[in-house]
Amino acid sequence: MSQPLFSIVMPVYNMENYLQQAVDCIRKQTMDDYELILVNDASKDHSLEICRRNEDEKIHVADLKKNGGLSNARNEGLSKAKGKYILFLDPDDTYAHDLLEKLDNAIRQYQPDLLIYGLKEEYYNANRKVEYEKVIEPRSVLNDDKKSIYTHVLELESKTLFGYAWNKCYRTELLKEKGIRFKKVKMIEDVQFNLEVLPYVKSMKTL
């Protein structure tokens, strides 16, 4: 397989109830220039079986024998990633089927170091019916100088959109060249990671 445009790293720990749906979202993407790296973090349920069942030329499985936590699993995926851009997606979320296509369109036009996109929260009642939805999305804009990048980051954080890792697409070479990894901390490892990336970002595209 030639170098894919996207590497998708998905850490997995005891996610048997959600994992297949997340994988199906990737399989149904409207563009297929990707690799999906499922990092099984010593799950105790049937997650590894689900990972293995989905393994093919695009979907790879890294099976960690000892549980090392979310940061360790993401770092393992990053070390194996071959794509020009990388996403760290969670296995208990779902993803729009045109997510990669929209990212690809922005990359072709702007070649940014970092892309950020919005999300929709769905709140269910006891009968598994959606009671209400909350859409959180940034303004669509390109920032290509430090002042505008930092100003927009403050705006993004006011909407809780900056701290997450799973609503971002990073240029892989930037992370590897600068040796940026997720720290093994108990909380807000995403925020720490993004703050470490930020000084090196020369262009940022929000969708």
N, C-alpha and C. Protein backbone atom coordinates (compact mmCIF):
# COMPACT_ATOMS: atom_id res chain seq x y z
N MET A 1 0.85 -1.20 0.00
CA MET A 1 0.00 0.00 0.00
C MET A 1 0.87 1.23 0.00
N SER A 2 0.64 2.16 -0.93
CA SER A 2 1.39 3.41 -0.95
C SER A 2 0.98 4.26 0.25
N GLN A 3 1.73 5.33 0.48
CA GLN A 3 1.43 6.16 1.64
C GLN A 3 0.01 6.71 1.57
N PRO A 4 -0.82 6.42 2.58
CA PRO A 4 -2.18 6.96 2.57
C PRO A 4 -2.17 8.43 2.96
N LEU A 5 -3.22 9.13 2.60
CA LEU A 5 -3.33 10.52 3.04
C LEU A 5 -3.59 10.59 4.54
N PHE A 6 -4.45 9.70 5.02
CA PHE A 6 -4.84 9.74 6.43
C PHE A 6 -4.45 8.47 7.17
N SER A 7 -3.92 8.65 8.37
CA SER A 7 -3.82 7.57 9.34
C SER A 7 -4.83 7.88 10.44
N ILE A 8 -5.67 6.91 10.75
CA ILE A 8 -6.65 7.06 11.82
C ILE A 8 -6.25 6.13 12.95
N VAL A 9 -5.94 6.70 14.10
CA VAL A 9 -5.55 5.92 15.26
C VAL A 9 -6.74 5.84 16.20
N MET A 10 -7.14 4.63 16.54
CA MET A 10 -8.29 4.43 17.41
C MET A 10 -7.89 3.53 18.59
N PRO A 11 -7.69 4.13 19.77
CA PRO A 11 -7.36 3.32 20.95
C PRO A 11 -8.59 2.57 21.44
N VAL A 12 -8.41 1.33 21.84
CA VAL A 12 -9.55 0.48 22.21
C VAL A 12 -9.30 -0.15 23.57
N TYR A 13 -10.19 0.10 24.50
CA TYR A 13 -10.15 -0.59 25.79
C TYR A 13 -11.57 -0.88 26.25
N ASN A 14 -11.94 -2.14 26.24
CA ASN A 14 -13.26 -2.59 26.69
C ASN A 14 -14.39 -1.80 26.01
N MET A 15 -14.38 -1.82 24.69
CA MET A 15 -15.34 -1.05 23.91
C MET A 15 -16.21 -1.95 23.02
N GLU A 16 -16.48 -3.16 23.46
CA GLU A 16 -17.20 -4.11 22.61
C GLU A 16 -18.59 -3.62 22.21
N ASN A 17 -19.20 -2.76 23.01
CA ASN A 17 -20.56 -2.31 22.70
C ASN A 17 -20.60 -1.19 21.67
N TYR A 18 -19.46 -0.57 21.38
CA TYR A 18 -19.44 0.60 20.50
C TYR A 18 -18.50 0.46 19.31
N LEU A 19 -17.49 -0.38 19.44
CA LEU A 19 -16.37 -0.40 18.50
C LEU A 19 -16.80 -0.65 17.07
N GLN A 20 -17.66 -1.65 16.84
CA GLN A 20 -18.03 -1.99 15.47
C GLN A 20 -18.71 -0.81 14.76
N GLN A 21 -19.53 -0.09 15.49
CA GLN A 21 -20.20 1.07 14.88
C GLN A 21 -19.19 2.13 14.46
N ALA A 22 -18.17 2.36 15.29
CA ALA A 22 -17.14 3.34 14.94
C ALA A 22 -16.35 2.88 13.72
N VAL A 23 -15.99 1.60 13.69
CA VAL A 23 -15.25 1.06 12.54
C VAL A 23 -16.09 1.16 11.27
N ASP A 24 -17.38 0.86 11.39
CA ASP A 24 -18.27 0.95 10.22
C ASP A 24 -18.33 2.38 9.67
N CYS A 25 -18.26 3.36 10.55
CA CYS A 25 -18.24 4.76 10.10
C CYS A 25 -17.01 5.03 9.23
N ILE A 26 -15.90 4.41 9.57
CA ILE A 26 -14.69 4.60 8.77
C ILE A 26 -14.80 3.83 7.45
N ARG A 27 -15.29 2.62 7.52
CA ARG A 27 -15.45 1.82 6.30
C ARG A 27 -16.38 2.51 5.28
N LYS A 28 -17.34 3.28 5.77
CA LYS A 28 -18.33 3.91 4.90
C LYS A 28 -17.91 5.32 4.44
N GLN A 29 -16.67 5.71 4.71
CA GLN A 29 -16.21 7.02 4.28
C GLN A 29 -16.31 7.15 2.76
N THR A 30 -16.60 8.35 2.30
CA THR A 30 -16.77 8.59 0.87
C THR A 30 -15.45 8.69 0.13
N MET A 31 -14.33 8.62 0.84
CA MET A 31 -13.03 8.46 0.20
C MET A 31 -12.27 7.40 0.97
N ASP A 32 -11.40 6.67 0.30
CA ASP A 32 -10.77 5.51 0.94
C ASP A 32 -9.25 5.62 1.05
N ASP A 33 -8.74 6.84 1.00
CA ASP A 33 -7.29 7.04 1.08
C ASP A 33 -6.87 7.12 2.56
N TYR A 34 -6.99 6.01 3.26
CA TYR A 34 -6.71 6.01 4.70
C TYR A 34 -6.20 4.64 5.15
N GLU A 35 -5.61 4.62 6.33
CA GLU A 35 -5.38 3.40 7.09
C GLU A 35 -5.98 3.61 8.47
N LEU A 36 -6.56 2.58 9.02
CA LEU A 36 -7.12 2.63 10.36
C LEU A 36 -6.29 1.72 11.25
N ILE A 37 -5.74 2.28 12.31
CA ILE A 37 -4.91 1.52 13.24
C ILE A 37 -5.70 1.36 14.54
N LEU A 38 -6.15 0.15 14.81
CA LEU A 38 -6.86 -0.16 16.05
C LEU A 38 -5.85 -0.63 17.08
N VAL A 39 -5.73 0.12 18.17
CA VAL A 39 -4.75 -0.23 19.21
C VAL A 39 -5.50 -0.81 20.40
N ASN A 40 -5.47 -2.12 20.52
CA ASN A 40 -6.14 -2.78 21.63
C ASN A 40 -5.27 -2.69 22.88
N ASP A 41 -5.77 -2.00 23.87
CA ASP A 41 -4.99 -1.72 25.09
C ASP A 41 -5.28 -2.77 26.16
N ALA A 42 -5.01 -4.05 25.82
CA ALA A 42 -5.21 -5.16 26.75
C ALA A 42 -6.65 -5.21 27.27
N SER A 43 -7.59 -5.11 26.36
CA SER A 43 -9.01 -5.16 26.73
C SER A 43 -9.35 -6.49 27.40
N LYS A 44 -10.31 -6.45 28.31
CA LYS A 44 -10.75 -7.65 29.03
C LYS A 44 -12.07 -8.19 28.50
N ASP A 45 -12.67 -7.49 27.54
CA ASP A 45 -13.92 -7.97 26.95
C ASP A 45 -13.63 -8.54 25.55
N HIS A 46 -14.56 -8.45 24.63
CA HIS A 46 -14.38 -9.02 23.30
C HIS A 46 -13.86 -8.00 22.27
N SER A 47 -13.29 -6.92 22.74
CA SER A 47 -12.82 -5.87 21.82
C SER A 47 -11.77 -6.39 20.84
N LEU A 48 -10.82 -7.18 21.33
CA LEU A 48 -9.77 -7.69 20.45
C LEU A 48 -10.37 -8.56 19.34
N GLU A 49 -11.36 -9.38 19.68
CA GLU A 49 -12.01 -10.21 18.66
C GLU A 49 -12.64 -9.34 17.57
N ILE A 50 -13.26 -8.24 17.99
CA ILE A 50 -13.87 -7.32 17.02
C ILE A 50 -12.79 -6.68 16.16
N CYS A 51 -11.69 -6.28 16.78
CA CYS A 51 -10.57 -5.71 16.02
C CYS A 51 -10.08 -6.70 14.97
N ARG A 52 -9.82 -7.93 15.38
CA ARG A 52 -9.30 -8.95 14.47
C ARG A 52 -10.29 -9.24 13.34
N ARG A 53 -11.56 -9.22 13.65
CA ARG A 53 -12.58 -9.51 12.65
C ARG A 53 -12.60 -8.47 11.54
N ASN A 54 -12.17 -7.26 11.87
CA ASN A 54 -12.18 -6.17 10.90
C ASN A 54 -10.85 -5.98 10.17
N GLU A 55 -9.86 -6.73 10.55
CA GLU A 55 -8.52 -6.55 9.99
C GLU A 55 -8.51 -6.87 8.49
N ASP A 56 -7.92 -5.95 7.71
CA ASP A 56 -7.74 -6.17 6.27
C ASP A 56 -6.60 -5.30 5.78
N GLU A 57 -6.55 -5.04 4.47
CA GLU A 57 -5.41 -4.27 3.93
C GLU A 57 -5.41 -2.82 4.40
N LYS A 58 -6.55 -2.31 4.87
CA LYS A 58 -6.62 -0.93 5.33
C LYS A 58 -6.70 -0.81 6.85
N ILE A 59 -7.15 -1.85 7.49
CA ILE A 59 -7.35 -1.83 8.93
C ILE A 59 -6.34 -2.74 9.61
N HIS A 60 -5.51 -2.15 10.45
CA HIS A 60 -4.43 -2.87 11.11
C HIS A 60 -4.69 -2.90 12.62
N VAL A 61 -4.22 -3.95 13.26
CA VAL A 61 -4.44 -4.12 14.69
C VAL A 61 -3.10 -4.17 15.41
N ALA A 62 -2.96 -3.35 16.43
CA ALA A 62 -1.82 -3.42 17.35
C ALA A 62 -2.37 -3.92 18.68
N ASP A 63 -1.90 -5.06 19.13
CA ASP A 63 -2.42 -5.68 20.35
C ASP A 63 -1.41 -5.53 21.48
N LEU A 64 -1.70 -4.61 22.39
CA LEU A 64 -0.81 -4.39 23.53
C LEU A 64 -1.14 -5.40 24.63
N LYS A 65 -0.13 -6.08 25.12
CA LYS A 65 -0.35 -7.14 26.09
C LYS A 65 -0.56 -6.61 27.50
N LYS A 66 -0.14 -5.39 27.75
CA LYS A 66 -0.29 -4.79 29.08
C LYS A 66 -1.00 -3.45 28.93
N ASN A 67 -2.01 -3.23 29.76
CA ASN A 67 -2.76 -1.98 29.69
C ASN A 67 -1.88 -0.81 30.08
N GLY A 68 -1.76 0.15 29.15
CA GLY A 68 -0.89 1.29 29.39
C GLY A 68 -1.61 2.62 29.43
N GLY A 69 -2.92 2.61 29.19
CA GLY A 69 -3.69 3.84 29.22
C GLY A 69 -3.84 4.49 27.86
N LEU A 70 -4.71 5.49 27.82
CA LEU A 70 -5.08 6.14 26.56
C LEU A 70 -3.88 6.77 25.86
N SER A 71 -3.06 7.51 26.60
CA SER A 71 -1.92 8.19 25.98
C SER A 71 -0.96 7.19 25.36
N ASN A 72 -0.68 6.12 26.07
CA ASN A 72 0.23 5.10 25.56
C ASN A 72 -0.31 4.46 24.28
N ALA A 73 -1.62 4.19 24.26
CA ALA A 73 -2.24 3.59 23.08
C ALA A 73 -2.18 4.53 21.88
N ARG A 74 -2.46 5.80 22.11
CA ARG A 74 -2.37 6.77 21.02
C ARG A 74 -0.94 6.90 20.50
N ASN A 75 0.02 6.91 21.42
CA ASN A 75 1.43 7.00 21.01
C ASN A 75 1.85 5.78 20.20
N GLU A 76 1.35 4.62 20.58
CA GLU A 76 1.65 3.40 19.83
C GLU A 76 1.13 3.54 18.40
N GLY A 77 -0.08 4.04 18.26
CA GLY A 77 -0.64 4.24 16.93
C GLY A 77 0.14 5.27 16.13
N LEU A 78 0.54 6.34 16.79
CA LEU A 78 1.33 7.38 16.13
C LEU A 78 2.65 6.82 15.61
N SER A 79 3.27 5.96 16.38
CA SER A 79 4.56 5.38 15.96
C SER A 79 4.41 4.51 14.72
N LYS A 80 3.23 3.95 14.50
CA LYS A 80 3.00 3.07 13.36
C LYS A 80 2.38 3.81 12.16
N ALA A 81 1.95 5.03 12.36
CA ALA A 81 1.22 5.76 11.33
C ALA A 81 2.09 6.08 10.12
N LYS A 82 1.53 5.86 8.93
CA LYS A 82 2.23 6.13 7.68
C LYS A 82 1.61 7.28 6.89
N GLY A 83 0.43 7.74 7.32
CA GLY A 83 -0.28 8.76 6.57
C GLY A 83 0.34 10.14 6.66
N LYS A 84 0.02 10.98 5.70
CA LYS A 84 0.51 12.36 5.72
C LYS A 84 -0.17 13.17 6.82
N TYR A 85 -1.41 12.80 7.12
CA TYR A 85 -2.15 13.44 8.21
C TYR A 85 -2.66 12.34 9.15
N ILE A 86 -2.88 12.72 10.40
CA ILE A 86 -3.29 11.73 11.39
C ILE A 86 -4.46 12.25 12.22
N LEU A 87 -5.40 11.34 12.49
CA LEU A 87 -6.54 11.64 13.36
C LEU A 87 -6.52 10.65 14.52
N PHE A 88 -6.88 11.13 15.70
CA PHE A 88 -6.99 10.27 16.88
C PHE A 88 -8.47 10.18 17.26
N LEU A 89 -9.14 9.18 16.72
CA LEU A 89 -10.58 9.06 16.90
C LEU A 89 -10.91 8.07 18.00
N ASP A 90 -11.99 8.33 18.72
CA ASP A 90 -12.41 7.46 19.82
C ASP A 90 -13.38 6.40 19.33
N PRO A 91 -13.33 5.20 19.93
CA PRO A 91 -14.17 4.09 19.47
C PRO A 91 -15.61 4.13 19.96
N ASP A 92 -15.94 5.09 20.81
CA ASP A 92 -17.32 5.18 21.30
C ASP A 92 -18.03 6.41 20.73
N ASP A 93 -17.52 6.94 19.63
CA ASP A 93 -18.17 8.03 18.89
C ASP A 93 -18.55 7.52 17.51
N THR A 94 -19.36 8.30 16.81
CA THR A 94 -19.64 8.02 15.41
C THR A 94 -19.16 9.20 14.57
N TYR A 95 -18.97 8.95 13.28
CA TYR A 95 -18.33 9.94 12.41
C TYR A 95 -19.10 10.09 11.11
N ALA A 96 -19.27 11.33 10.68
CA ALA A 96 -19.93 11.60 9.41
C ALA A 96 -19.19 10.87 8.29
N HIS A 97 -19.93 10.31 7.36
CA HIS A 97 -19.32 9.50 6.31
C HIS A 97 -18.50 10.33 5.32
N ASP A 98 -18.68 11.63 5.32
CA ASP A 98 -17.88 12.48 4.43
C ASP A 98 -16.80 13.26 5.18
N LEU A 99 -16.48 12.83 6.40
CA LEU A 99 -15.47 13.53 7.19
C LEU A 99 -14.13 13.60 6.46
N LEU A 100 -13.62 12.47 6.01
CA LEU A 100 -12.32 12.46 5.34
C LEU A 100 -12.35 13.24 4.03
N GLU A 101 -13.47 13.16 3.32
CA GLU A 101 -13.59 13.91 2.06
C GLU A 101 -13.51 15.41 2.31
N LYS A 102 -14.18 15.88 3.35
CA LYS A 102 -14.13 17.31 3.66
C LYS A 102 -12.74 17.74 4.10
N LEU A 103 -12.08 16.88 4.87
CA LEU A 103 -10.70 17.18 5.26
C LEU A 103 -9.79 17.20 4.05
N ASP A 104 -9.98 16.25 3.15
CA ASP A 104 -9.18 16.17 1.93
C ASP A 104 -9.34 17.43 1.08
N ASN A 105 -10.57 17.92 0.95
CA ASN A 105 -10.81 19.14 0.17
C ASN A 105 -10.06 20.33 0.75
N ALA A 106 -10.07 20.44 2.08
CA ALA A 106 -9.37 21.54 2.73
C ALA A 106 -7.85 21.39 2.60
N ILE A 107 -7.37 20.16 2.69
CA ILE A 107 -5.93 19.92 2.57
C ILE A 107 -5.45 20.27 1.16
N ARG A 108 -6.21 19.87 0.17
CA ARG A 108 -5.83 20.18 -1.22
C ARG A 108 -5.75 21.70 -1.44
N GLN A 109 -6.61 22.43 -0.78
CA GLN A 109 -6.66 23.88 -1.00
C GLN A 109 -5.63 24.64 -0.16
N TYR A 110 -5.40 24.18 1.09
CA TYR A 110 -4.62 24.99 2.02
C TYR A 110 -3.35 24.33 2.56
N GLN A 111 -3.25 23.01 2.53
CA GLN A 111 -2.12 22.28 3.13
C GLN A 111 -1.80 22.75 4.56
N PRO A 112 -2.79 22.79 5.44
CA PRO A 112 -2.53 23.30 6.79
C PRO A 112 -1.80 22.28 7.67
N ASP A 113 -1.21 22.77 8.75
CA ASP A 113 -0.60 21.87 9.73
C ASP A 113 -1.66 21.21 10.61
N LEU A 114 -2.79 21.90 10.78
CA LEU A 114 -3.82 21.43 11.70
C LEU A 114 -5.20 21.77 11.16
N LEU A 115 -6.11 20.80 11.21
CA LEU A 115 -7.50 21.04 10.86
C LEU A 115 -8.38 20.71 12.06
N ILE A 116 -9.41 21.52 12.26
CA ILE A 116 -10.30 21.35 13.41
C ILE A 116 -11.75 21.38 12.92
N TYR A 117 -12.55 20.47 13.43
CA TYR A 117 -13.96 20.41 12.99
C TYR A 117 -14.87 20.29 14.21
N GLY A 118 -16.16 20.47 13.97
CA GLY A 118 -17.13 20.51 15.05
C GLY A 118 -17.71 19.15 15.38
N LEU A 119 -18.78 19.18 16.17
CA LEU A 119 -19.37 17.93 16.65
C LEU A 119 -20.84 18.13 16.97
N LYS A 120 -21.52 17.02 17.12
CA LYS A 120 -22.91 17.04 17.55
C LYS A 120 -23.07 16.09 18.73
N GLU A 121 -23.57 16.62 19.83
CA GLU A 121 -23.85 15.80 21.00
C GLU A 121 -25.32 15.37 20.95
N GLU A 122 -25.58 14.10 21.16
CA GLU A 122 -26.94 13.59 21.20
C GLU A 122 -27.25 13.08 22.60
N TYR A 123 -28.34 13.54 23.16
CA TYR A 123 -28.73 13.17 24.51
C TYR A 123 -29.94 12.24 24.46
N TYR A 124 -29.78 11.05 25.02
CA TYR A 124 -30.80 10.02 24.94
C TYR A 124 -31.54 9.88 26.27
N ASN A 125 -32.80 9.46 26.18
CA ASN A 125 -33.55 9.14 27.39
C ASN A 125 -33.41 7.65 27.69
N ALA A 126 -34.12 7.18 28.70
CA ALA A 126 -34.00 5.78 29.13
C ALA A 126 -34.47 4.80 28.05
N ASN A 127 -35.28 5.26 27.12
CA ASN A 127 -35.77 4.41 26.03
C ASN A 127 -34.91 4.49 24.77
N ARG A 128 -33.73 5.07 24.92
CA ARG A 128 -32.77 5.21 23.82
C ARG A 128 -33.31 6.09 22.69
N LYS A 129 -34.18 7.02 23.03
CA LYS A 129 -34.66 7.99 22.06
C LYS A 129 -33.92 9.31 22.27
N VAL A 130 -33.57 9.97 21.18
CA VAL A 130 -32.87 11.24 21.29
C VAL A 130 -33.82 12.30 21.83
N GLU A 131 -33.49 12.86 22.98
CA GLU A 131 -34.32 13.91 23.57
C GLU A 131 -33.97 15.27 22.98
N TYR A 132 -32.67 15.52 22.82
CA TYR A 132 -32.27 16.75 22.16
C TYR A 132 -30.82 16.63 21.67
N GLU A 133 -30.46 17.52 20.79
CA GLU A 133 -29.12 17.53 20.20
C GLU A 133 -28.47 18.90 20.43
N LYS A 134 -27.17 18.89 20.51
CA LYS A 134 -26.42 20.13 20.66
C LYS A 134 -25.27 20.12 19.65
N VAL A 135 -25.31 21.06 18.72
CA VAL A 135 -24.27 21.16 17.70
C VAL A 135 -23.27 22.24 18.11
N ILE A 136 -21.99 21.85 18.10
CA ILE A 136 -20.91 22.79 18.42
C ILE A 136 -19.97 22.81 17.24
N GLU A 137 -19.86 23.95 16.58
CA GLU A 137 -18.98 24.01 15.41
C GLU A 137 -18.27 25.35 15.34
N PRO A 138 -17.06 25.34 14.82
CA PRO A 138 -16.30 26.59 14.69
C PRO A 138 -16.65 27.34 13.42
N ARG A 139 -16.23 28.59 13.36
CA ARG A 139 -16.31 29.33 12.11
C ARG A 139 -15.36 28.69 11.10
N SER A 140 -15.76 28.68 9.85
CA SER A 140 -14.89 28.15 8.80
C SER A 140 -13.91 29.23 8.38
N VAL A 141 -12.64 29.04 8.73
CA VAL A 141 -11.65 30.08 8.47
C VAL A 141 -10.25 29.46 8.40
N LEU A 142 -9.36 30.11 7.68
CA LEU A 142 -7.95 29.73 7.64
C LEU A 142 -7.15 30.76 8.41
N ASN A 143 -6.35 30.31 9.36
CA ASN A 143 -5.43 31.18 10.09
C ASN A 143 -4.01 30.79 9.70
N ASP A 144 -3.24 31.77 9.20
CA ASP A 144 -1.88 31.44 8.76
C ASP A 144 -0.83 32.40 9.31
N ASP A 145 -1.12 33.02 10.45
CA ASP A 145 -0.10 33.78 11.16
C ASP A 145 -0.34 33.58 12.65
N LYS A 146 0.71 33.73 13.44
CA LYS A 146 0.65 33.38 14.86
C LYS A 146 -0.44 34.13 15.62
N LYS A 147 -0.56 35.41 15.37
CA LYS A 147 -1.53 36.20 16.12
C LYS A 147 -2.95 35.70 15.87
N SER A 148 -3.30 35.47 14.60
CA SER A 148 -4.66 35.03 14.30
C SER A 148 -4.90 33.61 14.78
N ILE A 149 -3.86 32.77 14.72
CA ILE A 149 -4.00 31.39 15.22
C ILE A 149 -4.32 31.40 16.71
N TYR A 150 -3.54 32.15 17.48
CA TYR A 150 -3.75 32.17 18.93
C TYR A 150 -5.08 32.82 19.29
N THR A 151 -5.45 33.85 18.55
CA THR A 151 -6.75 34.50 18.81
C THR A 151 -7.89 33.53 18.55
N HIS A 152 -7.78 32.78 17.47
CA HIS A 152 -8.85 31.83 17.13
C HIS A 152 -8.88 30.66 18.11
N VAL A 153 -7.71 30.25 18.60
CA VAL A 153 -7.66 29.18 19.59
C VAL A 153 -8.45 29.56 20.84
N LEU A 154 -8.35 30.81 21.27
CA LEU A 154 -9.12 31.27 22.43
C LEU A 154 -10.61 31.20 22.15
N GLU A 155 -10.99 31.54 20.92
CA GLU A 155 -12.40 31.45 20.53
C GLU A 155 -12.86 29.99 20.52
N LEU A 156 -12.01 29.11 19.99
CA LEU A 156 -12.34 27.68 19.95
C LEU A 156 -12.49 27.12 21.36
N GLU A 157 -11.60 27.51 22.25
CA GLU A 157 -11.66 26.99 23.61
C GLU A 157 -12.91 27.47 24.34
N SER A 158 -13.38 28.66 23.99
CA SER A 158 -14.61 29.15 24.61
C SER A 158 -15.81 28.28 24.22
N LYS A 159 -15.66 27.54 23.10
CA LYS A 159 -16.70 26.59 22.66
C LYS A 159 -16.34 25.15 23.01
N THR A 160 -15.27 24.97 23.80
CA THR A 160 -14.73 23.65 24.20
C THR A 160 -14.20 22.85 23.02
N LEU A 161 -13.79 23.50 21.94
CA LEU A 161 -13.35 22.77 20.75
C LEU A 161 -11.84 22.63 20.61
N PHE A 162 -11.07 23.32 21.45
CA PHE A 162 -9.62 23.25 21.26
C PHE A 162 -8.99 22.06 21.98
N GLY A 163 -9.46 21.72 23.14
CA GLY A 163 -8.77 20.74 23.97
C GLY A 163 -8.80 19.31 23.45
N TYR A 164 -9.87 18.93 22.75
CA TYR A 164 -10.00 17.54 22.29
C TYR A 164 -8.94 17.17 21.26
N ALA A 165 -8.61 15.87 21.23
CA ALA A 165 -7.78 15.36 20.14
C ALA A 165 -8.64 14.77 19.03
N TRP A 166 -9.85 14.31 19.37
CA TRP A 166 -10.66 13.57 18.40
C TRP A 166 -11.42 14.46 17.42
N ASN A 167 -11.32 15.77 17.52
CA ASN A 167 -11.94 16.64 16.51
C ASN A 167 -10.86 17.39 15.72
N LYS A 168 -9.71 16.74 15.58
CA LYS A 168 -8.58 17.38 14.89
C LYS A 168 -7.90 16.42 13.93
N CYS A 169 -7.25 17.01 12.94
CA CYS A 169 -6.45 16.28 11.97
C CYS A 169 -5.10 16.99 11.90
N TYR A 170 -4.04 16.28 12.26
CA TYR A 170 -2.70 16.86 12.40
C TYR A 170 -1.81 16.41 11.24
N ARG A 171 -0.90 17.28 10.84
CA ARG A 171 0.11 16.85 9.87
C ARG A 171 1.09 15.94 10.59
N THR A 172 1.17 14.71 10.15
CA THR A 172 1.93 13.68 10.87
C THR A 172 3.40 14.04 11.00
N GLU A 173 3.98 14.54 9.93
CA GLU A 173 5.41 14.86 9.94
C GLU A 173 5.74 15.88 11.03
N LEU A 174 4.84 16.82 11.27
CA LEU A 174 5.05 17.82 12.30
C LEU A 174 5.17 17.16 13.67
N LEU A 175 4.26 16.24 13.98
CA LEU A 175 4.30 15.56 15.28
C LEU A 175 5.57 14.73 15.44
N LYS A 176 5.95 14.04 14.37
CA LYS A 176 7.12 13.15 14.46
C LYS A 176 8.42 13.94 14.49
N GLU A 177 8.50 15.00 13.68
CA GLU A 177 9.72 15.82 13.66
C GLU A 177 9.98 16.48 15.01
N LYS A 178 8.92 16.96 15.64
CA LYS A 178 9.05 17.68 16.91
C LYS A 178 9.00 16.74 18.12
N GLY A 179 8.80 15.45 17.87
CA GLY A 179 8.77 14.49 18.97
C GLY A 179 7.61 14.71 19.92
N ILE A 180 6.47 15.15 19.40
CA ILE A 180 5.31 15.44 20.25
C ILE A 180 4.54 14.15 20.49
N ARG A 181 4.32 13.84 21.75
CA ARG A 181 3.59 12.65 22.15
C ARG A 181 2.60 12.99 23.25
N PHE A 182 1.64 12.11 23.43
CA PHE A 182 0.68 12.28 24.53
C PHE A 182 1.37 11.92 25.84
N LYS A 183 1.21 12.78 26.83
CA LYS A 183 1.81 12.53 28.14
C LYS A 183 0.93 11.57 28.94
N LYS A 184 1.57 10.77 29.75
CA LYS A 184 0.84 9.79 30.57
C LYS A 184 0.39 10.45 31.87
N VAL A 185 -0.70 11.19 31.76
CA VAL A 185 -1.28 11.87 32.91
C VAL A 185 -2.71 11.35 33.09
N LYS A 186 -3.30 11.60 34.25
CA LYS A 186 -4.61 11.04 34.56
C LYS A 186 -5.74 11.76 33.84
N MET A 187 -5.57 13.06 33.59
CA MET A 187 -6.64 13.84 32.96
C MET A 187 -6.06 14.86 31.99
N ILE A 188 -6.91 15.37 31.13
CA ILE A 188 -6.65 16.43 30.14
C ILE A 188 -5.35 16.22 29.34
N GLU A 189 -5.06 14.95 29.00
CA GLU A 189 -3.89 14.69 28.16
C GLU A 189 -4.07 15.33 26.79
N ASP A 190 -5.34 15.45 26.33
CA ASP A 190 -5.61 16.09 25.04
C ASP A 190 -5.19 17.55 25.05
N VAL A 191 -5.56 18.26 26.11
CA VAL A 191 -5.23 19.69 26.22
C VAL A 191 -3.72 19.88 26.22
N GLN A 192 -3.03 19.08 27.00
CA GLN A 192 -1.57 19.18 27.09
C GLN A 192 -0.93 18.92 25.74
N PHE A 193 -1.43 17.92 25.03
CA PHE A 193 -0.91 17.57 23.71
C PHE A 193 -1.10 18.73 22.73
N ASN A 194 -2.31 19.28 22.70
CA ASN A 194 -2.60 20.37 21.76
C ASN A 194 -1.82 21.63 22.07
N LEU A 195 -1.60 21.90 23.34
CA LEU A 195 -0.78 23.06 23.72
C LEU A 195 0.67 22.86 23.30
N GLU A 196 1.12 21.61 23.30
CA GLU A 196 2.48 21.33 22.86
C GLU A 196 2.61 21.47 21.34
N VAL A 197 1.54 21.11 20.62
CA VAL A 197 1.54 21.23 19.16
C VAL A 197 1.47 22.69 18.72
N LEU A 198 0.70 23.47 19.43
CA LEU A 198 0.32 24.82 18.99
C LEU A 198 1.49 25.72 18.57
N PRO A 199 2.60 25.80 19.31
CA PRO A 199 3.68 26.71 18.90
C PRO A 199 4.28 26.40 17.53
N TYR A 200 4.10 25.18 17.04
CA TYR A 200 4.69 24.80 15.77
C TYR A 200 3.70 24.90 14.60
N VAL A 201 2.46 25.24 14.89
CA VAL A 201 1.44 25.32 13.84
C VAL A 201 1.58 26.65 13.09
N LYS A 202 1.85 26.54 11.80
CA LYS A 202 1.98 27.74 10.96
C LYS A 202 0.69 28.05 10.21
N SER A 203 -0.17 27.06 10.07
CA SER A 203 -1.46 27.33 9.44
C SER A 203 -2.49 26.36 10.04
N MET A 204 -3.68 26.90 10.28
CA MET A 204 -4.75 26.15 10.94
C MET A 204 -6.06 26.40 10.21
N LYS A 205 -6.74 25.33 9.82
CA LYS A 205 -8.01 25.43 9.09
C LYS A 205 -9.11 24.85 9.94
N THR A 206 -10.14 25.64 10.16
CA THR A 206 -11.32 25.13 10.85
C THR A 206 -12.45 24.93 9.85
N LEU A 207 -13.21 23.88 10.05
CA LEU A 207 -14.28 23.50 9.13
C LEU A 207 -15.62 23.64 9.82
